[in-house]
Amino acid sequence: VSMNFDDLNAENGYNPLQVYAQSKLANIL
């Protein structure tokens, strides 16, 4: 995954795995 800066709040559709993965990428960045 990469950071979706346009939708950090996952307002345009919520995919739990995607959102979790992005939060874990954020930890590394």
Full PDB file with SEQRES, HELIX, SHEET, SSBOND, CRYST1, ORIGX, SCALE, CONECT and MASTER records, all heavy atoms in Angstrom:
SEQRES   1 A   29  VAL SER MET ASN PHE ASP ASP LEU ASN ALA GLU ASN GLY          
SEQRES   2 A   29  TYR ASN PRO LEU GLN VAL TYR ALA GLN SER LYS LEU ALA          
SEQRES   3 A   29  ASN ILE LEU                                                  
HELIX    1 AA1 PHE A    5  ASP A    7  5                                   3    
HELIX    2 AA2 PRO A   16  ILE A   28  1                                  13    
CRYST1    1.000    1.000    1.000  90.00  90.00  90.00 P 1           1          
ORIGX1      1.000000  0.000000  0.000000        0.00000                         
ORIGX2      0.000000  1.000000  0.000000        0.00000                         
ORIGX3      0.000000  0.000000  1.000000        0.00000                         
SCALE1      1.000000  0.000000  0.000000        0.00000                         
SCALE2      0.000000  1.000000  0.000000        0.00000                         
SCALE3      0.000000  0.000000  1.000000        0.00000                         
ATOM      1  N   VAL A   1       0.852  -1.194   0.000  1.00  0.00           N  
ATOM      2  CA  VAL A   1       0.000   0.000   0.000  1.00  0.00           C  
ATOM      3  C   VAL A   1       0.886   1.242   0.000  1.00  0.00           C  
ATOM      4  O   VAL A   1       2.067   1.178   0.334  1.00  0.00           O  
ATOM      5  CB  VAL A   1      -0.945   0.080   1.233  1.00  0.00           C  
ATOM      6  CG1 VAL A   1      -1.907  -1.089   1.259  1.00  0.00           C  
ATOM      7  CG2 VAL A   1      -0.158   0.168   2.537  1.00  0.00           C  
ATOM      8  N   SER A   2       0.304   2.362  -0.403  1.00  0.00           N  
ATOM      9  CA  SER A   2       0.993   3.641  -0.214  1.00  0.00           C  
ATOM     10  C   SER A   2       0.024   4.559   0.528  1.00  0.00           C  
ATOM     11  O   SER A   2      -1.163   4.261   0.639  1.00  0.00           O  
ATOM     12  CB  SER A   2       1.418   4.233  -1.550  1.00  0.00           C  
ATOM     13  OG  SER A   2       0.327   4.225  -2.436  1.00  0.00           O  
ATOM     14  N   MET A   3       0.531   5.674   1.028  1.00  0.00           N  
ATOM     15  CA  MET A   3      -0.312   6.588   1.799  1.00  0.00           C  
ATOM     16  C   MET A   3      -1.297   7.280   0.865  1.00  0.00           C  
ATOM     17  O   MET A   3      -0.893   7.888  -0.121  1.00  0.00           O  
ATOM     18  CB  MET A   3       0.543   7.655   2.498  1.00  0.00           C  
ATOM     19  CG  MET A   3       1.483   7.123   3.571  1.00  0.00           C  
ATOM     20  SD  MET A   3       0.690   6.164   4.892  1.00  0.00           S  
ATOM     21  CE  MET A   3      -0.400   7.405   5.602  1.00  0.00           C  
ATOM     22  N   ASN A   4      -2.574   7.163   1.199  1.00  0.00           N  
ATOM     23  CA  ASN A   4      -3.596   7.862   0.410  1.00  0.00           C  
ATOM     24  C   ASN A   4      -3.879   9.197   1.095  1.00  0.00           C  
ATOM     25  O   ASN A   4      -4.807   9.327   1.873  1.00  0.00           O  
ATOM     26  CB  ASN A   4      -4.859   7.005   0.319  1.00  0.00           C  
ATOM     27  CG  ASN A   4      -5.937   7.672  -0.508  1.00  0.00           C  
ATOM     28  OD1 ASN A   4      -5.750   8.777  -1.007  1.00  0.00           O  
ATOM     29  ND2 ASN A   4      -7.062   6.994  -0.648  1.00  0.00           N  
ATOM     30  N   PHE A   5      -3.038  10.184   0.791  1.00  0.00           N  
ATOM     31  CA  PHE A   5      -3.146  11.477   1.477  1.00  0.00           C  
ATOM     32  C   PHE A   5      -4.454  12.203   1.164  1.00  0.00           C  
ATOM     33  O   PHE A   5      -4.881  13.064   1.915  1.00  0.00           O  
ATOM     34  CB  PHE A   5      -1.945  12.372   1.133  1.00  0.00           C  
ATOM     35  CG  PHE A   5      -0.687  11.961   1.852  1.00  0.00           C  
ATOM     36  CD1 PHE A   5       0.336  11.308   1.175  1.00  0.00           C  
ATOM     37  CD2 PHE A   5      -0.533  12.220   3.208  1.00  0.00           C  
ATOM     38  CE1 PHE A   5       1.492  10.924   1.844  1.00  0.00           C  
ATOM     39  CE2 PHE A   5       0.626  11.840   3.884  1.00  0.00           C  
ATOM     40  CZ  PHE A   5       1.644  11.193   3.198  1.00  0.00           C  
ATOM     41  N   ASP A   6      -5.076  11.825   0.055  1.00  0.00           N  
ATOM     42  CA  ASP A   6      -6.341  12.487  -0.298  1.00  0.00           C  
ATOM     43  C   ASP A   6      -7.499  11.961   0.526  1.00  0.00           C  
ATOM     44  O   ASP A   6      -8.580  12.554   0.526  1.00  0.00           O  
ATOM     45  CB  ASP A   6      -6.646  12.288  -1.794  1.00  0.00           C  
ATOM     46  CG  ASP A   6      -5.544  12.885  -2.655  1.00  0.00           C  
ATOM     47  OD1 ASP A   6      -4.964  13.907  -2.232  1.00  0.00           O  
ATOM     48  OD2 ASP A   6      -5.246  12.319  -3.727  1.00  0.00           O  
ATOM     49  N   ASP A   7      -7.287  10.822   1.195  1.00  0.00           N  
ATOM     50  CA  ASP A   7      -8.395  10.250   1.961  1.00  0.00           C  
ATOM     51  C   ASP A   7      -7.889   9.522   3.206  1.00  0.00           C  
ATOM     52  O   ASP A   7      -8.195   8.351   3.414  1.00  0.00           O  
ATOM     53  CB  ASP A   7      -9.203   9.295   1.056  1.00  0.00           C  
ATOM     54  CG  ASP A   7     -10.511   8.854   1.701  1.00  0.00           C  
ATOM     55  OD1 ASP A   7     -11.014   9.580   2.589  1.00  0.00           O  
ATOM     56  OD2 ASP A   7     -11.027   7.785   1.331  1.00  0.00           O  
ATOM     57  N   LEU A   8      -7.126  10.225   4.030  1.00  0.00           N  
ATOM     58  CA  LEU A   8      -6.581   9.604   5.243  1.00  0.00           C  
ATOM     59  C   LEU A   8      -7.690   9.174   6.191  1.00  0.00           C  
ATOM     60  O   LEU A   8      -7.505   8.305   7.029  1.00  0.00           O  
ATOM     61  CB  LEU A   8      -5.626  10.566   5.958  1.00  0.00           C  
ATOM     62  CG  LEU A   8      -4.266  10.782   5.287  1.00  0.00           C  
ATOM     63  CD1 LEU A   8      -3.452  11.809   6.055  1.00  0.00           C  
ATOM     64  CD2 LEU A   8      -3.495   9.474   5.155  1.00  0.00           C  
ATOM     65  N   ASN A   9      -8.858   9.790   6.055  1.00  0.00           N  
ATOM     66  CA  ASN A   9      -9.978   9.464   6.933  1.00  0.00           C  
ATOM     67  C   ASN A   9     -10.858   8.351   6.380  1.00  0.00           C  
ATOM     68  O   ASN A   9     -11.905   8.035   6.956  1.00  0.00           O  
ATOM     69  CB  ASN A   9     -10.822  10.713   7.196  1.00  0.00           C  
ATOM     70  CG  ASN A   9     -10.551  11.268   8.583  1.00  0.00           C  
ATOM     71  OD1 ASN A   9      -9.964  10.588   9.429  1.00  0.00           O  
ATOM     72  ND2 ASN A   9     -10.965  12.496   8.819  1.00  0.00           N  
ATOM     73  N   ALA A  10     -10.448   7.763   5.266  1.00  0.00           N  
ATOM     74  CA  ALA A  10     -11.184   6.636   4.663  1.00  0.00           C  
ATOM     75  C   ALA A  10     -12.667   6.941   4.512  1.00  0.00           C  
ATOM     76  O   ALA A  10     -13.519   6.143   4.892  1.00  0.00           O  
ATOM     77  CB  ALA A  10     -10.969   5.368   5.495  1.00  0.00           C  
ATOM     78  N   GLU A  11     -12.957   8.119   3.994  1.00  0.00           N  
ATOM     79  CA  GLU A  11     -14.362   8.485   3.812  1.00  0.00           C  
ATOM     80  C   GLU A  11     -14.925   7.940   2.498  1.00  0.00           C  
ATOM     81  O   GLU A  11     -16.116   7.722   2.375  1.00  0.00           O  
ATOM     82  CB  GLU A  11     -14.521  10.014   3.897  1.00  0.00           C  
ATOM     83  CG  GLU A  11     -14.511  10.476   5.341  1.00  0.00           C  
ATOM     84  CD  GLU A  11     -14.101  11.932   5.527  1.00  0.00           C  
ATOM     85  OE1 GLU A  11     -13.025  12.329   5.048  1.00  0.00           O  
ATOM     86  OE2 GLU A  11     -14.882  12.661   6.162  1.00  0.00           O  
ATOM     87  N   ASN A  12     -14.015   7.706   1.526  1.00  0.00           N  
ATOM     88  CA  ASN A  12     -14.483   7.183   0.225  1.00  0.00           C  
ATOM     89  C   ASN A  12     -14.335   5.671   0.184  1.00  0.00           C  
ATOM     90  O   ASN A  12     -13.491   5.130  -0.505  1.00  0.00           O  
ATOM     91  CB  ASN A  12     -13.655   7.796  -0.921  1.00  0.00           C  
ATOM     92  CG  ASN A  12     -13.569   9.297  -0.787  1.00  0.00           C  
ATOM     93  OD1 ASN A  12     -14.509   9.917  -0.287  1.00  0.00           O  
ATOM     94  ND2 ASN A  12     -12.463   9.877  -1.222  1.00  0.00           N  
ATOM     95  N   GLY A  13     -15.145   4.988   0.995  1.00  0.00           N  
ATOM     96  CA  GLY A  13     -15.072   3.521   1.001  1.00  0.00           C  
ATOM     97  C   GLY A  13     -14.060   3.066   2.041  1.00  0.00           C  
ATOM     98  O   GLY A  13     -12.975   3.638   2.155  1.00  0.00           O  
ATOM     99  N   TYR A  14     -14.441   2.061   2.814  1.00  0.00           N  
ATOM    100  CA  TYR A  14     -13.590   1.596   3.910  1.00  0.00           C  
ATOM    101  C   TYR A  14     -13.212   0.143   3.675  1.00  0.00           C  
ATOM    102  O   TYR A  14     -14.065  -0.744   3.656  1.00  0.00           O  
ATOM    103  CB  TYR A  14     -14.342   1.739   5.235  1.00  0.00           C  
ATOM    104  CG  TYR A  14     -13.549   1.303   6.455  1.00  0.00           C  
ATOM    105  CD1 TYR A  14     -12.667   2.189   7.086  1.00  0.00           C  
ATOM    106  CD2 TYR A  14     -13.672   0.017   6.965  1.00  0.00           C  
ATOM    107  CE1 TYR A  14     -11.938   1.797   8.201  1.00  0.00           C  
ATOM    108  CE2 TYR A  14     -12.939  -0.386   8.080  1.00  0.00           C  
ATOM    109  CZ  TYR A  14     -12.076   0.513   8.695  1.00  0.00           C  
ATOM    110  OH  TYR A  14     -11.349   0.125   9.796  1.00  0.00           O  
ATOM    111  N   ASN A  15     -11.916  -0.099   3.473  1.00  0.00           N  
ATOM    112  CA  ASN A  15     -11.418  -1.467   3.372  1.00  0.00           C  
ATOM    113  C   ASN A  15     -10.526  -1.699   4.587  1.00  0.00           C  
ATOM    114  O   ASN A  15      -9.459  -1.102   4.705  1.00  0.00           O  
ATOM    115  CB  ASN A  15     -10.620  -1.612   2.065  1.00  0.00           C  
ATOM    116  CG  ASN A  15      -9.914  -2.957   1.980  1.00  0.00           C  
ATOM    117  OD1 ASN A  15      -9.653  -3.604   2.989  1.00  0.00           O  
ATOM    118  ND2 ASN A  15      -9.597  -3.367   0.777  1.00  0.00           N  
ATOM    119  N   PRO A  16     -10.989  -2.539   5.520  1.00  0.00           N  
ATOM    120  CA  PRO A  16     -10.273  -2.678   6.795  1.00  0.00           C  
ATOM    121  C   PRO A  16      -8.801  -3.063   6.639  1.00  0.00           C  
ATOM    122  O   PRO A  16      -7.939  -2.528   7.335  1.00  0.00           O  
ATOM    123  CB  PRO A  16     -11.048  -3.753   7.553  1.00  0.00           C  
ATOM    124  CG  PRO A  16     -12.020  -4.346   6.604  1.00  0.00           C  
ATOM    125  CD  PRO A  16     -12.203  -3.377   5.476  1.00  0.00           C  
ATOM    126  N   LEU A  17      -8.525  -3.984   5.708  1.00  0.00           N  
ATOM    127  CA  LEU A  17      -7.140  -4.428   5.537  1.00  0.00           C  
ATOM    128  C   LEU A  17      -6.273  -3.301   4.993  1.00  0.00           C  
ATOM    129  O   LEU A  17      -5.136  -3.095   5.423  1.00  0.00           O  
ATOM    130  CB  LEU A  17      -7.075  -5.647   4.600  1.00  0.00           C  
ATOM    131  CG  LEU A  17      -7.671  -6.931   5.184  1.00  0.00           C  
ATOM    132  CD1 LEU A  17      -7.784  -8.005   4.109  1.00  0.00           C  
ATOM    133  CD2 LEU A  17      -6.835  -7.452   6.350  1.00  0.00           C  
ATOM    134  N   GLN A  18      -6.829  -2.561   4.047  1.00  0.00           N  
ATOM    135  CA  GLN A  18      -6.122  -1.440   3.424  1.00  0.00           C  
ATOM    136  C   GLN A  18      -5.812  -0.356   4.465  1.00  0.00           C  
ATOM    137  O   GLN A  18      -4.700   0.166   4.544  1.00  0.00           O  
ATOM    138  CB  GLN A  18      -7.033  -0.860   2.333  1.00  0.00           C  
ATOM    139  CG  GLN A  18      -6.415   0.233   1.502  1.00  0.00           C  
ATOM    140  CD  GLN A  18      -5.827  -0.323   0.218  1.00  0.00           C  
ATOM    141  OE1 GLN A  18      -6.144  -1.426  -0.195  1.00  0.00           O  
ATOM    142  NE2 GLN A  18      -4.944   0.428  -0.390  1.00  0.00           N  
ATOM    143  N   VAL A  19      -6.825  -0.025   5.267  1.00  0.00           N  
ATOM    144  CA  VAL A  19      -6.690   1.040   6.259  1.00  0.00           C  
ATOM    145  C   VAL A  19      -5.675   0.633   7.339  1.00  0.00           C  
ATOM    146  O   VAL A  19      -4.838   1.428   7.764  1.00  0.00           O  
ATOM    147  CB  VAL A  19      -8.079   1.358   6.875  1.00  0.00           C  
ATOM    148  CG1 VAL A  19      -7.951   2.209   8.120  1.00  0.00           C  
ATOM    149  CG2 VAL A  19      -8.953   2.055   5.835  1.00  0.00           C  
ATOM    150  N   TYR A  20      -5.736  -0.637   7.746  1.00  0.00           N  
ATOM    151  CA  TYR A  20      -4.778  -1.142   8.734  1.00  0.00           C  
ATOM    152  C   TYR A  20      -3.361  -1.096   8.155  1.00  0.00           C  
ATOM    153  O   TYR A  20      -2.417  -0.615   8.798  1.00  0.00           O  
ATOM    154  CB  TYR A  20      -5.150  -2.575   9.135  1.00  0.00           C  
ATOM    155  CG  TYR A  20      -4.196  -3.197  10.129  1.00  0.00           C  
ATOM    156  CD1 TYR A  20      -4.224  -2.821  11.473  1.00  0.00           C  
ATOM    157  CD2 TYR A  20      -3.260  -4.145   9.732  1.00  0.00           C  
ATOM    158  CE1 TYR A  20      -3.343  -3.386  12.389  1.00  0.00           C  
ATOM    159  CE2 TYR A  20      -2.369  -4.713  10.645  1.00  0.00           C  
ATOM    160  CZ  TYR A  20      -2.414  -4.323  11.970  1.00  0.00           C  
ATOM    161  OH  TYR A  20      -1.531  -4.869  12.883  1.00  0.00           O  
ATOM    162  N   ALA A  21      -3.223  -1.584   6.913  1.00  0.00           N  
ATOM    163  CA  ALA A  21      -1.909  -1.618   6.255  1.00  0.00           C  
ATOM    164  C   ALA A  21      -1.327  -0.210   6.141  1.00  0.00           C  
ATOM    165  O   ALA A  21      -0.139   0.019   6.392  1.00  0.00           O  
ATOM    166  CB  ALA A  21      -2.038  -2.254   4.869  1.00  0.00           C  
ATOM    167  N   GLN A  22      -2.181   0.742   5.785  1.00  0.00           N  
ATOM    168  CA  GLN A  22      -1.716   2.119   5.637  1.00  0.00           C  
ATOM    169  C   GLN A  22      -1.246   2.681   6.983  1.00  0.00           C  
ATOM    170  O   GLN A  22      -0.243   3.392   7.051  1.00  0.00           O  
ATOM    171  CB  GLN A  22      -2.838   2.988   5.065  1.00  0.00           C  
ATOM    172  CG  GLN A  22      -2.413   4.406   4.819  1.00  0.00           C  
ATOM    173  CD  GLN A  22      -3.491   5.230   4.123  1.00  0.00           C  
ATOM    174  OE1 GLN A  22      -3.339   5.601   2.986  1.00  0.00           O  
ATOM    175  NE2 GLN A  22      -4.577   5.497   4.824  1.00  0.00           N  
ATOM    176  N   SER A  23      -1.949   2.335   8.061  1.00  0.00           N  
ATOM    177  CA  SER A  23      -1.534   2.830   9.385  1.00  0.00           C  
ATOM    178  C   SER A  23      -0.171   2.252   9.784  1.00  0.00           C  
ATOM    179  O   SER A  23       0.628   2.909  10.442  1.00  0.00           O  
ATOM    180  CB  SER A  23      -2.589   2.496  10.454  1.00  0.00           C  
ATOM    181  OG  SER A  23      -2.592   1.119  10.781  1.00  0.00           O  
ATOM    182  N   LYS A  24       0.092   1.020   9.353  1.00  0.00           N  
ATOM    183  CA  LYS A  24       1.363   0.376   9.683  1.00  0.00           C  
ATOM    184  C   LYS A  24       2.503   0.932   8.816  1.00  0.00           C  
ATOM    185  O   LYS A  24       3.657   1.006   9.259  1.00  0.00           O  
ATOM    186  CB  LYS A  24       1.245  -1.149   9.528  1.00  0.00           C  
ATOM    187  CG  LYS A  24       0.265  -1.776  10.519  1.00  0.00           C  
ATOM    188  CD  LYS A  24       0.813  -1.815  11.923  1.00  0.00           C  
ATOM    189  CE  LYS A  24       0.065  -1.042  12.945  1.00  0.00           C  
ATOM    190  NZ  LYS A  24       0.680  -1.036  14.268  1.00  0.00           N  
ATOM    191  N   LEU A  25       2.169   1.320   7.571  1.00  0.00           N  
ATOM    192  CA  LEU A  25       3.144   2.018   6.723  1.00  0.00           C  
ATOM    193  C   LEU A  25       3.476   3.378   7.358  1.00  0.00           C  
ATOM    194  O   LEU A  25       4.632   3.802   7.387  1.00  0.00           O  
ATOM    195  CB  LEU A  25       2.589   2.208   5.309  1.00  0.00           C  
ATOM    196  CG  LEU A  25       3.434   3.073   4.355  1.00  0.00           C  
ATOM    197  CD1 LEU A  25       4.808   2.450   4.114  1.00  0.00           C  
ATOM    198  CD2 LEU A  25       2.701   3.266   3.019  1.00  0.00           C  
ATOM    199  N   ALA A  26       2.440   4.040   7.875  1.00  0.00           N  
ATOM    200  CA  ALA A  26       2.634   5.341   8.529  1.00  0.00           C  
ATOM    201  C   ALA A  26       3.616   5.219   9.699  1.00  0.00           C  
ATOM    202  O   ALA A  26       4.452   6.107   9.912  1.00  0.00           O  
ATOM    203  CB  ALA A  26       1.288   5.897   9.014  1.00  0.00           C  
ATOM    204  N   ASN A  27       3.552   4.099  10.448  1.00  0.00           N  
ATOM    205  CA  ASN A  27       4.491   3.885  11.559  1.00  0.00           C  
ATOM    206  C   ASN A  27       5.938   3.910  11.069  1.00  0.00           C  
ATOM    207  O   ASN A  27       6.829   4.450  11.730  1.00  0.00           O  
ATOM    208  CB  ASN A  27       4.243   2.528  12.238  1.00  0.00           C  
ATOM    209  CG  ASN A  27       2.912   2.414  12.955  1.00  0.00           C  
ATOM    210  OD1 ASN A  27       2.331   1.342  13.033  1.00  0.00           O  
ATOM    211  ND2 ASN A  27       2.401   3.526  13.476  1.00  0.00           N  
ATOM    212  N   ILE A  28       6.170   3.310   9.895  1.00  0.00           N  
ATOM    213  CA  ILE A  28       7.543   3.231   9.367  1.00  0.00           C  
ATOM    214  C   ILE A  28       7.987   4.589   8.835  1.00  0.00           C  
ATOM    215  O   ILE A  28       9.105   5.050   9.106  1.00  0.00           O  
ATOM    216  CB  ILE A  28       7.649   2.146   8.264  1.00  0.00           C  
ATOM    217  CG1 ILE A  28       7.154   0.794   8.803  1.00  0.00           C  
ATOM    218  CG2 ILE A  28       9.102   2.012   7.801  1.00  0.00           C  
ATOM    219  CD1 ILE A  28       7.098  -0.311   7.763  1.00  0.00           C  
ATOM    220  N   LEU A  29       7.106   5.258   8.075  1.00  0.00           N  
ATOM    221  CA  LEU A  29       7.439   6.583   7.539  1.00  0.00           C  
ATOM    222  C   LEU A  29       7.758   7.544   8.692  1.00  0.00           C  
ATOM    223  O   LEU A  29       8.719   8.311   8.642  1.00  0.00           O  
ATOM    224  CB  LEU A  29       6.274   7.126   6.707  1.00  0.00           C  
ATOM    225  CG  LEU A  29       5.971   6.391   5.400  1.00  0.00           C  
ATOM    226  CD1 LEU A  29       4.624   6.841   4.831  1.00  0.00           C  
ATOM    227  CD2 LEU A  29       7.077   6.612   4.366  1.00  0.00           C  
TER     228      LEU A  29                                                      
MASTER        0    0    0    2    0    0    0    6  227    1    0    3          
END                                                                             
